[in-house]
PDB file of all heavy atoms in Angstrom:
ATOM      1  N   SER A   1       1.381  16.184  -0.220  1.00  0.00           N
ATOM      2  CA  SER A   1       2.455  15.720   0.644  1.00  0.00           C
ATOM      3  C   SER A   1       3.724  16.472   0.292  1.00  0.00           C
ATOM      4  O   SER A   1       3.740  17.287  -0.628  1.00  0.00           O
ATOM      5  CB  SER A   1       2.651  14.211   0.477  1.00  0.00           C
ATOM      6  OG  SER A   1       2.746  13.881  -0.887  1.00  0.00           O
ATOM      7  N   SER A   2       4.799  16.178   1.012  1.00  0.00           N
ATOM      8  CA  SER A   2       6.022  16.948   0.798  1.00  0.00           C
ATOM      9  C   SER A   2       6.964  16.320  -0.222  1.00  0.00           C
ATOM     10  O   SER A   2       7.842  16.998  -0.734  1.00  0.00           O
ATOM     11  CB  SER A   2       6.754  17.129   2.136  1.00  0.00           C
ATOM     12  OG  SER A   2       7.052  15.869   2.701  1.00  0.00           O
ATOM     13  N   PHE A   3       6.794  15.022  -0.530  1.00  0.00           N
ATOM     14  CA  PHE A   3       7.682  14.405  -1.522  1.00  0.00           C
ATOM     15  C   PHE A   3       6.964  13.239  -2.205  1.00  0.00           C
ATOM     16  O   PHE A   3       7.337  12.075  -2.046  1.00  0.00           O
ATOM     17  CB  PHE A   3       8.976  13.930  -0.868  1.00  0.00           C
ATOM     18  CG  PHE A   3      10.140  13.869  -1.822  1.00  0.00           C
ATOM     19  CD1 PHE A   3      10.815  15.029  -2.183  1.00  0.00           C
ATOM     20  CD2 PHE A   3      10.555  12.661  -2.364  1.00  0.00           C
ATOM     21  CE1 PHE A   3      11.903  14.978  -3.055  1.00  0.00           C
ATOM     22  CE2 PHE A   3      11.631  12.600  -3.238  1.00  0.00           C
ATOM     23  CZ  PHE A   3      12.305  13.768  -3.587  1.00  0.00           C
ATOM     24  N   PRO A   4       5.933  13.529  -2.987  1.00  0.00           N
ATOM     25  CA  PRO A   4       5.206  12.450  -3.669  1.00  0.00           C
ATOM     26  C   PRO A   4       6.102  11.758  -4.680  1.00  0.00           C
ATOM     27  O   PRO A   4       6.836  12.404  -5.415  1.00  0.00           O
ATOM     28  CB  PRO A   4       4.043  13.189  -4.344  1.00  0.00           C
ATOM     29  CG  PRO A   4       4.538  14.587  -4.538  1.00  0.00           C
ATOM     30  CD  PRO A   4       5.419  14.865  -3.368  1.00  0.00           C
ATOM     31  N   ARG A   5       6.016  10.416  -4.737  1.00  0.00           N
ATOM     32  CA  ARG A   5       6.874   9.651  -5.631  1.00  0.00           C
ATOM     33  C   ARG A   5       6.120   9.007  -6.788  1.00  0.00           C
ATOM     34  O   ARG A   5       6.652   8.888  -7.887  1.00  0.00           O
ATOM     35  CB  ARG A   5       7.600   8.550  -4.841  1.00  0.00           C
ATOM     36  CG  ARG A   5       8.538   9.080  -3.769  1.00  0.00           C
ATOM     37  CD  ARG A   5       9.687   9.869  -4.369  1.00  0.00           C
ATOM     38  NE  ARG A   5      10.532   9.054  -5.212  1.00  0.00           N
ATOM     39  CZ  ARG A   5      11.702   8.541  -4.837  1.00  0.00           C
ATOM     40  NH1 ARG A   5      12.153   8.767  -3.624  1.00  0.00           N
ATOM     41  NH2 ARG A   5      12.428   7.838  -5.676  1.00  0.00           N
ATOM     42  N   ALA A   6       4.889   8.536  -6.532  1.00  0.00           N
ATOM     43  CA  ALA A   6       4.175   7.795  -7.570  1.00  0.00           C
ATOM     44  C   ALA A   6       2.676   7.976  -7.406  1.00  0.00           C
ATOM     45  O   ALA A   6       2.172   8.181  -6.297  1.00  0.00           O
ATOM     46  CB  ALA A   6       4.535   6.311  -7.503  1.00  0.00           C
ATOM     47  N   ILE A   7       1.975   7.877  -8.536  1.00  0.00           N
ATOM     48  CA  ILE A   7       0.515   7.981  -8.543  1.00  0.00           C
ATOM     49  C   ILE A   7      -0.053   6.863  -9.407  1.00  0.00           C
ATOM     50  O   ILE A   7       0.516   6.495 -10.434  1.00  0.00           O
ATOM     51  CB  ILE A   7       0.047   9.362  -9.068  1.00  0.00           C
ATOM     52  CG1 ILE A   7      -1.495   9.439  -9.090  1.00  0.00           C
ATOM     53  CG2 ILE A   7       0.612   9.650 -10.446  1.00  0.00           C
ATOM     54  CD1 ILE A   7      -2.022  10.830  -9.423  1.00  0.00           C
ATOM     55  N   LEU A   8      -1.193   6.333  -8.977  1.00  0.00           N
ATOM     56  CA  LEU A   8      -1.905   5.302  -9.730  1.00  0.00           C
ATOM     57  C   LEU A   8      -3.394   5.565  -9.588  1.00  0.00           C
ATOM     58  O   LEU A   8      -3.871   5.914  -8.498  1.00  0.00           O
ATOM     59  CB  LEU A   8      -1.551   3.916  -9.194  1.00  0.00           C
ATOM     60  CG  LEU A   8      -2.051   2.711  -9.978  1.00  0.00           C
ATOM     61  CD1 LEU A   8      -1.486   2.716 -11.393  1.00  0.00           C
ATOM     62  CD2 LEU A   8      -1.662   1.424  -9.271  1.00  0.00           C
ATOM     63  N   LEU A   9      -4.137   5.427 -10.689  1.00  0.00           N
ATOM     64  CA  LEU A   9      -5.577   5.652 -10.674  1.00  0.00           C
ATOM     65  C   LEU A   9      -6.310   4.322 -10.659  1.00  0.00           C
ATOM     66  O   LEU A   9      -5.920   3.365 -11.330  1.00  0.00           O
ATOM     67  CB  LEU A   9      -6.009   6.451 -11.906  1.00  0.00           C
ATOM     68  CG  LEU A   9      -5.285   7.773 -12.179  1.00  0.00           C
ATOM     69  CD1 LEU A   9      -5.900   8.453 -13.409  1.00  0.00           C
ATOM     70  CD2 LEU A   9      -5.341   8.700 -10.978  1.00  0.00           C
ATOM     71  N   SER A  10      -7.413   4.271  -9.909  1.00  0.00           N
ATOM     72  CA  SER A  10      -8.295   3.108  -9.903  1.00  0.00           C
ATOM     73  C   SER A  10      -9.701   3.602  -9.605  1.00  0.00           C
ATOM     74  O   SER A  10      -9.958   4.172  -8.536  1.00  0.00           O
ATOM     75  CB  SER A  10      -7.856   2.082  -8.855  1.00  0.00           C
ATOM     76  OG  SER A  10      -8.707   0.950  -8.877  1.00  0.00           O
ATOM     77  N   GLY A  11     -10.607   3.406 -10.578  1.00  0.00           N
ATOM     78  CA  GLY A  11     -11.957   3.926 -10.408  1.00  0.00           C
ATOM     79  C   GLY A  11     -11.934   5.435 -10.314  1.00  0.00           C
ATOM     80  O   GLY A  11     -11.267   6.114 -11.094  1.00  0.00           O
ATOM     81  N   ASN A  12     -12.629   5.977  -9.329  1.00  0.00           N
ATOM     82  CA  ASN A  12     -12.703   7.432  -9.134  1.00  0.00           C
ATOM     83  C   ASN A  12     -11.691   7.934  -8.116  1.00  0.00           C
ATOM     84  O   ASN A  12     -11.880   9.011  -7.529  1.00  0.00           O
ATOM     85  CB  ASN A  12     -14.112   7.842  -8.698  1.00  0.00           C
ATOM     86  CG  ASN A  12     -15.116   7.738  -9.823  1.00  0.00           C
ATOM     87  OD1 ASN A  12     -14.801   8.021 -10.978  1.00  0.00           O
ATOM     88  ND2 ASN A  12     -16.330   7.321  -9.506  1.00  0.00           N
ATOM     89  N   PHE A  13     -10.611   7.168  -7.913  1.00  0.00           N
ATOM     90  CA  PHE A  13      -9.648   7.549  -6.885  1.00  0.00           C
ATOM     91  C   PHE A  13      -8.216   7.504  -7.427  1.00  0.00           C
ATOM     92  O   PHE A  13      -7.889   6.689  -8.289  1.00  0.00           O
ATOM     93  CB  PHE A  13      -9.773   6.636  -5.660  1.00  0.00           C
ATOM     94  CG  PHE A  13     -11.097   6.756  -4.962  1.00  0.00           C
ATOM     95  CD1 PHE A  13     -12.165   5.946  -5.324  1.00  0.00           C
ATOM     96  CD2 PHE A  13     -11.287   7.709  -3.970  1.00  0.00           C
ATOM     97  CE1 PHE A  13     -13.399   6.070  -4.696  1.00  0.00           C
ATOM     98  CE2 PHE A  13     -12.518   7.847  -3.343  1.00  0.00           C
ATOM     99  CZ  PHE A  13     -13.570   7.020  -3.707  1.00  0.00           C
ATOM    100  N   ALA A  14      -7.409   8.430  -6.897  1.00  0.00           N
ATOM    101  CA  ALA A  14      -5.977   8.451  -7.178  1.00  0.00           C
ATOM    102  C   ALA A  14      -5.255   8.033  -5.904  1.00  0.00           C
ATOM    103  O   ALA A  14      -5.581   8.499  -4.803  1.00  0.00           O
ATOM    104  CB  ALA A  14      -5.529   9.851  -7.597  1.00  0.00           C
ATOM    105  N   TYR A  15      -4.285   7.137  -6.065  1.00  0.00           N
ATOM    106  CA  TYR A  15      -3.502   6.643  -4.929  1.00  0.00           C
ATOM    107  C   TYR A  15      -2.077   7.154  -5.082  1.00  0.00           C
ATOM    108  O   TYR A  15      -1.424   6.900  -6.096  1.00  0.00           O
ATOM    109  CB  TYR A  15      -3.552   5.119  -4.876  1.00  0.00           C
ATOM    110  CG  TYR A  15      -4.948   4.592  -4.654  1.00  0.00           C
ATOM    111  CD1 TYR A  15      -5.834   4.446  -5.722  1.00  0.00           C
ATOM    112  CD2 TYR A  15      -5.398   4.277  -3.374  1.00  0.00           C
ATOM    113  CE1 TYR A  15      -7.133   3.993  -5.516  1.00  0.00           C
ATOM    114  CE2 TYR A  15      -6.691   3.816  -3.158  1.00  0.00           C
ATOM    115  CZ  TYR A  15      -7.560   3.674  -4.240  1.00  0.00           C
ATOM    116  OH  TYR A  15      -8.845   3.236  -4.036  1.00  0.00           O
ATOM    117  N   ILE A  16      -1.600   7.888  -4.074  1.00  0.00           N
ATOM    118  CA  ILE A  16      -0.307   8.571  -4.152  1.00  0.00           C
ATOM    119  C   ILE A  16       0.558   8.118  -2.982  1.00  0.00           C
ATOM    120  O   ILE A  16       0.116   8.144  -1.824  1.00  0.00           O
ATOM    121  CB  ILE A  16      -0.486  10.102  -4.110  1.00  0.00           C
ATOM    122  CG1 ILE A  16      -1.337  10.563  -5.306  1.00  0.00           C
ATOM    123  CG2 ILE A  16       0.868  10.808  -4.109  1.00  0.00           C
ATOM    124  CD1 ILE A  16      -1.779  12.010  -5.200  1.00  0.00           C
ATOM    125  N   VAL A  17       1.809   7.702  -3.287  1.00  0.00           N
ATOM    126  CA  VAL A  17       2.726   7.350  -2.210  1.00  0.00           C
ATOM    127  C   VAL A  17       3.768   8.456  -2.074  1.00  0.00           C
ATOM    128  O   VAL A  17       4.219   9.030  -3.063  1.00  0.00           O
ATOM    129  CB  VAL A  17       3.409   5.988  -2.447  1.00  0.00           C
ATOM    130  CG1 VAL A  17       2.392   4.866  -2.342  1.00  0.00           C
ATOM    131  CG2 VAL A  17       4.120   5.931  -3.784  1.00  0.00           C
ATOM    132  N   ASP A  18       4.124   8.736  -0.827  1.00  0.00           N
ATOM    133  CA  ASP A  18       5.031   9.841  -0.516  1.00  0.00           C
ATOM    134  C   ASP A  18       6.163   9.325   0.366  1.00  0.00           C
ATOM    135  O   ASP A  18       5.919   8.739   1.422  1.00  0.00           O
ATOM    136  CB  ASP A  18       4.276  10.959   0.194  1.00  0.00           C
ATOM    137  CG  ASP A  18       5.155  12.159   0.459  1.00  0.00           C
ATOM    138  OD1 ASP A  18       5.867  12.172   1.485  1.00  0.00           O
ATOM    139  OD2 ASP A  18       5.150  13.091  -0.358  1.00  0.00           O
ATOM    140  N   SER A  19       7.408   9.535  -0.076  1.00  0.00           N
ATOM    141  CA  SER A  19       8.553   8.992   0.650  1.00  0.00           C
ATOM    142  C   SER A  19       8.952   9.846   1.845  1.00  0.00           C
ATOM    143  O   SER A  19       9.635   9.356   2.744  1.00  0.00           O
ATOM    144  CB  SER A  19       9.750   8.827  -0.289  1.00  0.00           C
ATOM    145  OG  SER A  19      10.124  10.067  -0.844  1.00  0.00           O
ATOM    146  N   SER A  20       8.549  11.111   1.889  1.00  0.00           N
ATOM    147  CA  SER A  20       8.891  11.969   3.017  1.00  0.00           C
ATOM    148  C   SER A  20       7.875  11.814   4.148  1.00  0.00           C
ATOM    149  O   SER A  20       8.236  11.606   5.308  1.00  0.00           O
ATOM    150  CB  SER A  20       8.953  13.436   2.578  1.00  0.00           C
ATOM    151  OG  SER A  20       9.247  14.270   3.673  1.00  0.00           O
ATOM    152  N   ASP A  21       6.590  11.899   3.795  1.00  0.00           N
ATOM    153  CA  ASP A  21       5.545  11.719   4.810  1.00  0.00           C
ATOM    154  C   ASP A  21       5.288  10.253   5.125  1.00  0.00           C
ATOM    155  O   ASP A  21       4.511   9.934   6.023  1.00  0.00           O
ATOM    156  CB  ASP A  21       4.248  12.371   4.338  1.00  0.00           C
ATOM    157  CG  ASP A  21       4.329  13.890   4.371  1.00  0.00           C
ATOM    158  OD1 ASP A  21       5.361  14.408   4.840  1.00  0.00           O
ATOM    159  OD2 ASP A  21       3.383  14.550   3.922  1.00  0.00           O
ATOM    160  N   GLU A  22       5.920   9.370   4.344  1.00  0.00           N
ATOM    161  CA  GLU A  22       5.853   7.920   4.577  1.00  0.00           C
ATOM    162  C   GLU A  22       4.409   7.432   4.640  1.00  0.00           C
ATOM    163  O   GLU A  22       3.999   6.725   5.562  1.00  0.00           O
ATOM    164  CB  GLU A  22       6.595   7.560   5.869  1.00  0.00           C
ATOM    165  CG  GLU A  22       8.060   7.975   5.828  1.00  0.00           C
ATOM    166  CD  GLU A  22       8.747   7.846   7.177  1.00  0.00           C
ATOM    167  OE1 GLU A  22       8.064   7.481   8.153  1.00  0.00           O
ATOM    168  OE2 GLU A  22       9.950   8.128   7.259  1.00  0.00           O
ATOM    169  N   ASP A  23       3.635   7.794   3.599  1.00  0.00           N
ATOM    170  CA  ASP A  23       2.235   7.396   3.610  1.00  0.00           C
ATOM    171  C   ASP A  23       1.697   7.168   2.201  1.00  0.00           C
ATOM    172  O   ASP A  23       2.379   7.421   1.197  1.00  0.00           O
ATOM    173  CB  ASP A  23       1.377   8.443   4.334  1.00  0.00           C
ATOM    174  CG  ASP A  23       1.345   9.800   3.637  1.00  0.00           C
ATOM    175  OD1 ASP A  23       1.928   9.937   2.530  1.00  0.00           O
ATOM    176  OD2 ASP A  23       0.736  10.740   4.185  1.00  0.00           O
ATOM    177  N   MET A  24       0.474   6.663   2.143  1.00  0.00           N
ATOM    178  CA  MET A  24      -0.289   6.585   0.910  1.00  0.00           C
ATOM    179  C   MET A  24      -1.543   7.420   1.106  1.00  0.00           C
ATOM    180  O   MET A  24      -2.261   7.263   2.095  1.00  0.00           O
ATOM    181  CB  MET A  24      -0.696   5.143   0.584  1.00  0.00           C
ATOM    182  CG  MET A  24      -1.520   5.022  -0.709  1.00  0.00           C
ATOM    183  SD  MET A  24      -2.151   3.345  -1.011  1.00  0.00           S
ATOM    184  CE  MET A  24      -3.555   3.304   0.141  1.00  0.00           C
ATOM    185  N   ARG A  25      -1.785   8.332   0.157  1.00  0.00           N
ATOM    186  CA  ARG A  25      -2.972   9.170   0.232  1.00  0.00           C
ATOM    187  C   ARG A  25      -3.952   8.774  -0.858  1.00  0.00           C
ATOM    188  O   ARG A  25      -3.556   8.450  -1.980  1.00  0.00           O
ATOM    189  CB  ARG A  25      -2.596  10.637   0.102  1.00  0.00           C
ATOM    190  CG  ARG A  25      -1.603  11.043   1.174  1.00  0.00           C
ATOM    191  CD  ARG A  25      -1.532  12.504   1.426  1.00  0.00           C
ATOM    192  NE  ARG A  25      -0.572  12.745   2.495  1.00  0.00           N
ATOM    193  CZ  ARG A  25      -0.473  13.896   3.158  1.00  0.00           C
ATOM    194  NH1 ARG A  25      -1.268  14.898   2.852  1.00  0.00           N
ATOM    195  NH2 ARG A  25       0.414  14.035   4.116  1.00  0.00           N
ATOM    196  N   VAL A  26      -5.226   8.790  -0.500  1.00  0.00           N
ATOM    197  CA  VAL A  26      -6.291   8.443  -1.433  1.00  0.00           C
ATOM    198  C   VAL A  26      -7.067   9.718  -1.751  1.00  0.00           C
ATOM    199  O   VAL A  26      -7.611  10.364  -0.849  1.00  0.00           O
ATOM    200  CB  VAL A  26      -7.233   7.385  -0.835  1.00  0.00           C
ATOM    201  CG1 VAL A  26      -8.266   6.954  -1.883  1.00  0.00           C
ATOM    202  CG2 VAL A  26      -6.443   6.185  -0.321  1.00  0.00           C
ATOM    203  N   ILE A  27      -7.091  10.073  -3.049  1.00  0.00           N
ATOM    204  CA  ILE A  27      -7.735  11.309  -3.484  1.00  0.00           C
ATOM    205  C   ILE A  27      -8.958  10.974  -4.337  1.00  0.00           C
ATOM    206  O   ILE A  27      -8.853  10.213  -5.308  1.00  0.00           O
ATOM    207  CB  ILE A  27      -6.765  12.179  -4.315  1.00  0.00           C
ATOM    208  CG1 ILE A  27      -5.436  12.378  -3.572  1.00  0.00           C
ATOM    209  CG2 ILE A  27      -7.412  13.519  -4.647  1.00  0.00           C
ATOM    210  CD1 ILE A  27      -5.547  13.110  -2.272  1.00  0.00           C
ATOM    211  N   ASP A  28     -10.097  11.532  -3.971  1.00  0.00           N
ATOM    212  CA  ASP A  28     -11.316  11.364  -4.760  1.00  0.00           C
ATOM    213  C   ASP A  28     -11.243  12.299  -5.968  1.00  0.00           C
ATOM    214  O   ASP A  28     -11.181  13.521  -5.818  1.00  0.00           O
ATOM    215  CB  ASP A  28     -12.534  11.702  -3.896  1.00  0.00           C
ATOM    216  CG  ASP A  28     -13.852  11.410  -4.603  1.00  0.00           C
ATOM    217  OD1 ASP A  28     -13.908  11.460  -5.850  1.00  0.00           O
ATOM    218  OD2 ASP A  28     -14.852  11.154  -3.908  1.00  0.00           O
ATOM    219  N   ILE A  29     -11.231  11.719  -7.174  1.00  0.00           N
ATOM    220  CA  ILE A  29     -11.139  12.527  -8.396  1.00  0.00           C
ATOM    221  C   ILE A  29     -12.408  12.392  -9.239  1.00  0.00           C
ATOM    222  O   ILE A  29     -12.385  12.613 -10.443  1.00  0.00           O
ATOM    223  CB  ILE A  29      -9.911  12.108  -9.238  1.00  0.00           C
ATOM    224  CG1 ILE A  29      -9.955  10.615  -9.570  1.00  0.00           C
ATOM    225  CG2 ILE A  29      -8.620  12.473  -8.518  1.00  0.00           C
ATOM    226  CD1 ILE A  29      -8.906  10.177 -10.573  1.00  0.00           C
ATOM    227  N   SER A  30     -13.521  12.042  -8.586  1.00  0.00           N
ATOM    228  CA  SER A  30     -14.779  11.934  -9.321  1.00  0.00           C
ATOM    229  C   SER A  30     -15.138  13.264  -9.970  1.00  0.00           C
ATOM    230  O   SER A  30     -15.762  13.303 -11.031  1.00  0.00           O
ATOM    231  CB  SER A  30     -15.906  11.462  -8.400  1.00  0.00           C
ATOM    232  OG  SER A  30     -16.015  12.287  -7.246  1.00  0.00           O
TER     233      SER A  30
END
């Protein structure tokens, strides 16, 4: 994203919130 603010891991996934794109992205980190 263009302005990620925070990341949190849960299981095999990373959850990232972005204040510019105004979204939450889910990344598979298995």
